[in-house]
Amino acid sequence: MALLINATETNKLTIKGTTLELPSIYARVECANSFDGLKMVGRIYSFESKQLYTNEKTLLQVKELTEYDNQKTFDVDVTGGEKQSVLLFHEKLKAELEGAGYVVDIIELV
């Protein structure tokens, strides 16, 4: 799975250290589950596009998403039926980024 994070009129995606804005980025996710089943920790790796990820693996730092370059922790609502999974981590990232004003799609890998 991957995330396609799209900029909006009010929420930009700027390459860190520049004024260059991108319409979208391709992000791969790394996550780990806590042993008690109650937390997931991970981060995103940003790339300018899926093609550049596939061909070059050149990481991109996005000014507006620097908090995701480090570990991001999400609680797992076990009593509400949630279970730790890569999909759940993607869904929580998607919801958080959309709450910040971005348009996000979860992309299945083929």
Protein backbone atom coordinates (compact mmCIF):
# COMPACT_ATOMS: atom_id res chain seq x y z
CA MET A 1 0.00 0.00 0.00
CA ALA A 2 0.93 3.61 -0.48
CA LEU A 3 -0.61 7.03 -0.03
CA LEU A 4 -1.17 9.61 -2.74
CA ILE A 5 -1.27 12.93 -0.90
CA ASN A 6 -2.71 15.80 -2.93
CA ALA A 7 -2.21 19.48 -2.21
CA THR A 8 -5.23 21.76 -2.06
CA GLU A 9 -5.75 25.47 -2.55
CA THR A 10 -5.07 26.07 1.14
CA ASN A 11 -2.73 23.17 1.96
CA LYS A 12 0.48 23.08 -0.04
CA LEU A 13 3.18 20.46 -0.49
CA THR A 14 6.49 22.34 -0.68
CA ILE A 15 9.88 20.69 -1.11
CA LYS A 16 11.74 21.51 2.11
CA GLY A 17 14.32 24.27 1.67
CA THR A 18 12.74 25.56 -1.55
CA THR A 19 9.62 27.37 -2.71
CA LEU A 20 8.82 24.60 -5.22
CA GLU A 21 5.26 23.33 -4.70
CA LEU A 22 4.11 19.91 -5.85
CA PRO A 23 0.51 19.03 -6.75
CA SER A 24 0.87 15.65 -5.04
CA ILE A 25 3.36 13.24 -3.52
CA TYR A 26 3.62 9.46 -3.40
CA ALA A 27 4.26 8.18 0.13
CA ARG A 28 5.27 4.76 1.35
CA VAL A 29 4.60 3.80 4.94
CA GLU A 30 6.65 1.95 7.53
CA CYS A 31 4.95 0.87 10.74
CA ALA A 32 5.38 -1.36 13.77
CA ASN A 33 2.86 -2.71 16.24
CA SER A 34 3.24 -2.55 20.01
CA PHE A 35 3.32 -5.88 21.79
CA ASP A 36 0.14 -5.12 23.75
CA GLY A 37 -1.95 -4.44 20.62
CA LEU A 38 -2.83 -0.90 21.69
CA LYS A 39 -0.52 1.26 19.59
CA MET A 40 1.07 1.49 16.16
CA VAL A 41 4.19 3.52 15.43
CA GLY A 42 5.50 4.48 12.02
CA ARG A 43 6.42 7.12 9.52
CA ILE A 44 5.99 8.03 5.89
CA TYR A 45 8.65 8.19 3.21
CA SER A 46 7.79 10.80 0.59
CA PHE A 47 8.62 10.68 -3.11
CA GLU A 48 7.78 13.08 -5.91
CA SER A 49 5.94 10.32 -7.78
CA LYS A 50 5.42 6.57 -7.89
CA GLN A 51 7.70 6.43 -10.93
CA LEU A 52 10.56 8.13 -9.07
CA TYR A 53 10.01 5.78 -6.13
CA THR A 54 10.13 2.78 -8.44
CA ASN A 55 13.12 3.91 -10.51
CA GLU A 56 15.30 5.94 -8.16
CA LYS A 57 14.10 5.62 -4.54
CA THR A 58 15.01 9.31 -4.06
CA LEU A 59 13.45 10.53 -0.83
CA LEU A 60 11.80 13.90 -0.71
CA GLN A 61 11.33 16.07 2.35
CA VAL A 62 8.08 18.02 2.35
CA LYS A 63 8.06 21.14 4.51
CA GLU A 64 4.43 20.77 5.56
CA LEU A 65 4.78 17.08 6.49
CA THR A 66 7.97 17.15 8.60
CA GLU A 67 6.14 15.72 11.61
CA TYR A 68 5.66 12.52 9.59
CA ASP A 69 9.39 12.19 8.88
CA ASN A 70 9.76 11.04 12.48
CA GLN A 71 7.76 8.47 14.37
CA LYS A 72 4.01 8.95 14.38
CA THR A 73 2.02 7.04 16.99
CA PHE A 74 -1.63 6.06 16.74
CA ASP A 75 -3.78 4.39 19.38
CA VAL A 76 -5.65 1.23 18.41
CA ASP A 77 -9.25 1.17 19.64
CA VAL A 78 -9.35 -2.51 20.56
CA THR A 79 -12.65 -2.16 22.43
CA GLY A 80 -14.12 -0.56 19.30
CA GLY A 81 -13.02 -3.51 17.16
CA GLU A 82 -9.79 -2.14 15.67
CA LYS A 83 -6.86 -4.50 15.15
CA GLN A 84 -3.29 -3.55 14.42
CA SER A 85 -2.56 -3.77 10.70
CA VAL A 86 -0.75 -1.99 7.92
CA LEU A 87 -4.14 -1.03 6.46
CA LEU A 88 -5.29 0.52 9.75
CA PHE A 89 -2.10 2.59 9.94
CA HIS A 90 -2.70 3.85 6.39
CA GLU A 91 -6.33 4.64 7.25
CA LYS A 92 -5.31 6.60 10.36
CA LEU A 93 -2.70 8.56 8.40
CA LYS A 94 -5.28 9.27 5.69
CA ALA A 95 -7.84 10.52 8.22
CA GLU A 96 -5.31 12.73 9.97
CA LEU A 97 -3.98 14.24 6.73
CA GLU A 98 -7.51 14.81 5.43
CA GLY A 99 -8.34 16.48 8.75
CA ALA A 100 -5.40 18.82 8.04
CA GLY A 101 -6.92 19.69 4.66
CA TYR A 102 -5.20 17.38 2.18
CA VAL A 103 -6.90 14.98 -0.23
CA VAL A 104 -5.50 11.49 0.32
CA ASP A 105 -5.97 8.19 -1.49
CA ILE A 106 -4.79 4.78 -0.30
CA ILE A 107 -3.27 3.00 -3.28
CA GLU A 108 -3.17 -0.77 -3.50
CA LEU A 109 0.09 -2.09 -4.90
CA VAL A 110 -0.07 -4.37 -7.89
